[in-house]
Amino acid sequence: MADMTVQERNKELVRQFVTTMVNDRNPEKAAELIGDRYISHAHGVADGREAFIRSLHDDFLDPFPHAHVDIKRLIAEDDLVVCHSHLVLDPTDPTDRGSAQFDMLRVDETGIVEHWVAWTAIPDTDPVNTNTMF
């Protein structure tokens, strides 16, 4: 990884973070990628590593045991990485179209230190165009 740019390293860190916490269902391992201080801008999630782990279990992993995320793209600039992904809470349910999600994470030399999230449910159809959310 020595030949990677800072932005490439940050994108790889975010990729590991997202896939480890959702697809691997291992928030404790994902929390190892969190830096000295974790600031959450997600509604209902407190700051800090322990709050992140507790919220992930209580609000996401326990109620949605089959959740899966598919990262579509990672965009990095300076110390920020945006992760555009397709999140499906129950892939065993053919009616669960999932949501399009944007996570923006700030990274420093200690790891992931700040997190914003925005998402929208994927509708069945769009009366205006045939474009996908990805």
C-alpha atoms as a PDB file:
ATOM      1  CA  MET A   1       0.000   0.000   0.000  1.00  0.00           C
ATOM      2  CA  ALA A   2       3.027   2.295   0.129  1.00  0.00           C
ATOM      3  CA  ASP A   3       2.517   3.363  -3.487  1.00  0.00           C
ATOM      4  CA  MET A   4      -1.094   4.417  -2.925  1.00  0.00           C
ATOM      5  CA  THR A   5      -2.054   8.076  -2.737  1.00  0.00           C
ATOM      6  CA  VAL A   6      -3.644   9.402   0.433  1.00  0.00           C
ATOM      7  CA  GLN A   7      -7.022   9.457  -1.322  1.00  0.00           C
ATOM      8  CA  GLU A   8      -6.624   5.830  -2.469  1.00  0.00           C
ATOM      9  CA  ARG A   9      -5.703   4.755   1.071  1.00  0.00           C
ATOM     10  CA  ASN A  10      -8.685   6.656   2.475  1.00  0.00           C
ATOM     11  CA  LYS A  11     -11.040   5.034  -0.047  1.00  0.00           C
ATOM     12  CA  GLU A  12      -9.717   1.576   0.818  1.00  0.00           C
ATOM     13  CA  LEU A  13     -10.171   2.300   4.539  1.00  0.00           C
ATOM     14  CA  VAL A  14     -13.796   3.327   3.933  1.00  0.00           C
ATOM     15  CA  ARG A  15     -14.403   0.256   1.737  1.00  0.00           C
ATOM     16  CA  GLN A  16     -13.112  -1.990   4.540  1.00  0.00           C
ATOM     17  CA  PHE A  17     -15.157  -0.102   7.135  1.00  0.00           C
ATOM     18  CA  VAL A  18     -18.464  -0.354   5.241  1.00  0.00           C
ATOM     19  CA  THR A  19     -18.124  -3.968   4.132  1.00  0.00           C
ATOM     20  CA  THR A  20     -16.831  -5.144   7.518  1.00  0.00           C
ATOM     21  CA  MET A  21     -19.678  -3.601   9.478  1.00  0.00           C
ATOM     22  CA  VAL A  22     -22.522  -4.582   7.101  1.00  0.00           C
ATOM     23  CA  ASN A  23     -21.597  -7.569   4.929  1.00  0.00           C
ATOM     24  CA  ASP A  24     -19.228  -9.199   7.399  1.00  0.00           C
ATOM     25  CA  ARG A  25     -21.551  -8.191  10.273  1.00  0.00           C
ATOM     26  CA  ASN A  26     -18.608  -7.339  12.486  1.00  0.00           C
ATOM     27  CA  PRO A  27     -18.983  -3.851  14.003  1.00  0.00           C
ATOM     28  CA  GLU A  28     -16.288  -4.558  16.578  1.00  0.00           C
ATOM     29  CA  LYS A  29     -13.754  -5.147  13.773  1.00  0.00           C
ATOM     30  CA  ALA A  30     -15.069  -2.113  11.856  1.00  0.00           C
ATOM     31  CA  ALA A  31     -14.663  -0.024  15.018  1.00  0.00           C
ATOM     32  CA  GLU A  32     -10.929  -0.802  14.929  1.00  0.00           C
ATOM     33  CA  LEU A  33     -10.840   1.433  11.823  1.00  0.00           C
ATOM     34  CA  ILE A  34     -12.315   4.349  13.774  1.00  0.00           C
ATOM     35  CA  GLY A  35      -9.880   7.042  14.794  1.00  0.00           C
ATOM     36  CA  ASP A  36      -9.185   8.668  18.139  1.00  0.00           C
ATOM     37  CA  ARG A  37     -12.527  10.470  18.055  1.00  0.00           C
ATOM     38  CA  TYR A  38     -15.656   9.468  16.122  1.00  0.00           C
ATOM     39  CA  ILE A  39     -18.199  12.210  15.426  1.00  0.00           C
ATOM     40  CA  SER A  40     -21.573  11.009  14.151  1.00  0.00           C
ATOM     41  CA  HIS A  41     -23.946  13.186  12.151  1.00  0.00           C
ATOM     42  CA  ALA A  42     -26.439  10.307  11.824  1.00  0.00           C
ATOM     43  CA  HIS A  43     -29.775  10.942  13.516  1.00  0.00           C
ATOM     44  CA  GLY A  44     -30.024   9.070  16.810  1.00  0.00           C
ATOM     45  CA  VAL A  45     -26.391   7.914  16.899  1.00  0.00           C
ATOM     46  CA  ALA A  46     -24.135   9.305  19.625  1.00  0.00           C
ATOM     47  CA  ASP A  47     -20.471  10.161  19.115  1.00  0.00           C
ATOM     48  CA  GLY A  48     -17.757   7.665  20.010  1.00  0.00           C
ATOM     49  CA  ARG A  49     -16.630   4.140  19.175  1.00  0.00           C
ATOM     50  CA  GLU A  50     -18.783   2.405  21.804  1.00  0.00           C
ATOM     51  CA  ALA A  51     -21.928   4.283  20.718  1.00  0.00           C
ATOM     52  CA  PHE A  52     -21.208   3.314  17.104  1.00  0.00           C
ATOM     53  CA  ILE A  53     -20.968  -0.399  18.001  1.00  0.00           C
ATOM     54  CA  ARG A  54     -24.086  -0.309  20.212  1.00  0.00           C
ATOM     55  CA  SER A  55     -26.156   1.540  17.600  1.00  0.00           C
ATOM     56  CA  LEU A  56     -25.061  -0.761  14.805  1.00  0.00           C
ATOM     57  CA  HIS A  57     -26.146  -3.821  16.791  1.00  0.00           C
ATOM     58  CA  ASP A  58     -29.392  -2.395  18.182  1.00  0.00           C
ATOM     59  CA  ASP A  59     -30.652  -0.458  15.164  1.00  0.00           C
ATOM     60  CA  PHE A  60     -29.268  -2.370  12.219  1.00  0.00           C
ATOM     61  CA  LEU A  61     -27.624  -5.774  12.561  1.00  0.00           C
ATOM     62  CA  ASP A  62     -29.998  -7.347  15.088  1.00  0.00           C
ATOM     63  CA  PRO A  63     -33.262  -6.264  13.397  1.00  0.00           C
ATOM     64  CA  PHE A  64     -31.932  -6.895   9.860  1.00  0.00           C
ATOM     65  CA  PRO A  65     -29.858 -10.100   9.983  1.00  0.00           C
ATOM     66  CA  HIS A  66     -29.536 -10.415   6.195  1.00  0.00           C
ATOM     67  CA  ALA A  67     -28.694  -6.790   5.337  1.00  0.00           C
ATOM     68  CA  HIS A  68     -26.225  -6.364   2.496  1.00  0.00           C
ATOM     69  CA  VAL A  69     -24.459  -3.359   1.002  1.00  0.00           C
ATOM     70  CA  ASP A  70     -23.082  -3.097  -2.515  1.00  0.00           C
ATOM     71  CA  ILE A  71     -20.629  -0.224  -2.896  1.00  0.00           C
ATOM     72  CA  LYS A  72     -21.137   1.402  -6.281  1.00  0.00           C
ATOM     73  CA  ARG A  73     -18.455   4.080  -6.101  1.00  0.00           C
ATOM     74  CA  LEU A  74     -16.016   5.780  -3.744  1.00  0.00           C
ATOM     75  CA  ILE A  75     -14.965   9.380  -4.315  1.00  0.00           C
ATOM     76  CA  ALA A  76     -12.165  10.984  -2.321  1.00  0.00           C
ATOM     77  CA  GLU A  77     -11.004  14.560  -1.949  1.00  0.00           C
ATOM     78  CA  ASP A  78      -8.584  15.722   0.710  1.00  0.00           C
ATOM     79  CA  ASP A  79      -9.625  13.993   3.963  1.00  0.00           C
ATOM     80  CA  LEU A  80     -13.189  13.170   2.841  1.00  0.00           C
ATOM     81  CA  VAL A  81     -14.511  10.007   1.181  1.00  0.00           C
ATOM     82  CA  VAL A  82     -18.016   9.654  -0.236  1.00  0.00           C
ATOM     83  CA  CYS A  83     -19.390   6.134  -0.504  1.00  0.00           C
ATOM     84  CA  HIS A  84     -22.361   5.695  -2.868  1.00  0.00           C
ATOM     85  CA  SER A  85     -23.980   2.342  -2.184  1.00  0.00           C
ATOM     86  CA  HIS A  86     -27.036   0.144  -2.565  1.00  0.00           C
ATOM     87  CA  LEU A  87     -28.246  -1.077   0.807  1.00  0.00           C
ATOM     88  CA  VAL A  88     -30.817  -3.888   0.992  1.00  0.00           C
ATOM     89  CA  LEU A  89     -32.127  -4.682   4.454  1.00  0.00           C
ATOM     90  CA  ASP A  90     -33.645  -8.043   3.519  1.00  0.00           C
ATOM     91  CA  PRO A  91     -32.234  -9.566   0.318  1.00  0.00           C
ATOM     92  CA  THR A  92     -34.409 -12.650   0.930  1.00  0.00           C
ATOM     93  CA  ASP A  93     -37.508 -10.495   0.326  1.00  0.00           C
ATOM     94  CA  PRO A  94     -38.065  -9.981  -3.433  1.00  0.00           C
ATOM     95  CA  THR A  95     -40.060  -6.811  -2.721  1.00  0.00           C
ATOM     96  CA  ASP A  96     -37.174  -5.130  -0.848  1.00  0.00           C
ATOM     97  CA  ARG A  97     -35.680  -2.832  -3.501  1.00  0.00           C
ATOM     98  CA  GLY A  98     -33.363  -1.309  -0.920  1.00  0.00           C
ATOM     99  CA  SER A  99     -32.107   2.230  -0.705  1.00  0.00           C
ATOM    100  CA  ALA A 100     -29.551   4.407  -2.401  1.00  0.00           C
ATOM    101  CA  GLN A 101     -27.167   5.649   0.232  1.00  0.00           C
ATOM    102  CA  PHE A 102     -24.475   8.296   0.445  1.00  0.00           C
ATOM    103  CA  ASP A 103     -22.068   8.161   3.357  1.00  0.00           C
ATOM    104  CA  MET A 104     -19.431  10.842   3.715  1.00  0.00           C
ATOM    105  CA  LEU A 105     -16.586  10.024   6.057  1.00  0.00           C
ATOM    106  CA  ARG A 106     -13.686  12.153   7.212  1.00  0.00           C
ATOM    107  CA  VAL A 107     -10.414  10.320   7.701  1.00  0.00           C
ATOM    108  CA  ASP A 108      -7.272  11.359   9.542  1.00  0.00           C
ATOM    109  CA  GLU A 109      -4.062   9.532  10.390  1.00  0.00           C
ATOM    110  CA  THR A 110      -5.841   7.655  13.210  1.00  0.00           C
ATOM    111  CA  GLY A 111      -8.739   6.350  11.082  1.00  0.00           C
ATOM    112  CA  ILE A 112     -12.344   7.354  10.411  1.00  0.00           C
ATOM    113  CA  VAL A 113     -13.207  10.331  12.603  1.00  0.00           C
ATOM    114  CA  GLU A 114     -16.479  11.739  11.266  1.00  0.00           C
ATOM    115  CA  HIS A 115     -19.527  10.344   9.453  1.00  0.00           C
ATOM    116  CA  TRP A 116     -22.545  11.813   7.642  1.00  0.00           C
ATOM    117  CA  VAL A 117     -25.246   9.711   5.958  1.00  0.00           C
ATOM    118  CA  ALA A 118     -28.148  10.363   3.592  1.00  0.00           C
ATOM    119  CA  TRP A 119     -30.362   7.778   1.907  1.00  0.00           C
ATOM    120  CA  THR A 120     -33.541   7.379  -0.050  1.00  0.00           C
ATOM    121  CA  ALA A 121     -35.718   4.359  -0.719  1.00  0.00           C
ATOM    122  CA  ILE A 122     -35.592   3.032  -4.278  1.00  0.00           C
ATOM    123  CA  PRO A 123     -39.060   3.432  -5.803  1.00  0.00           C
ATOM    124  CA  ASP A 124     -40.737   0.808  -7.976  1.00  0.00           C
ATOM    125  CA  THR A 125     -40.974   3.167 -10.934  1.00  0.00           C
ATOM    126  CA  ASP A 126     -40.195   6.748 -11.876  1.00  0.00           C
ATOM    127  CA  PRO A 127     -42.859   8.583 -13.871  1.00  0.00           C
ATOM    128  CA  VAL A 128     -40.332  11.024 -15.306  1.00  0.00           C
ATOM    129  CA  ASN A 129     -37.326   8.949 -16.469  1.00  0.00           C
ATOM    130  CA  THR A 130     -35.892   5.457 -16.618  1.00  0.00           C
ATOM    131  CA  ASN A 131     -32.579   6.263 -14.958  1.00  0.00           C
ATOM    132  CA  THR A 132     -31.479   4.163 -12.010  1.00  0.00           C
ATOM    133  CA  MET A 133     -30.161   5.550  -8.742  1.00  0.00           C
ATOM    134  CA  PHE A 134     -26.779   4.084  -9.558  1.00  0.00           C
END
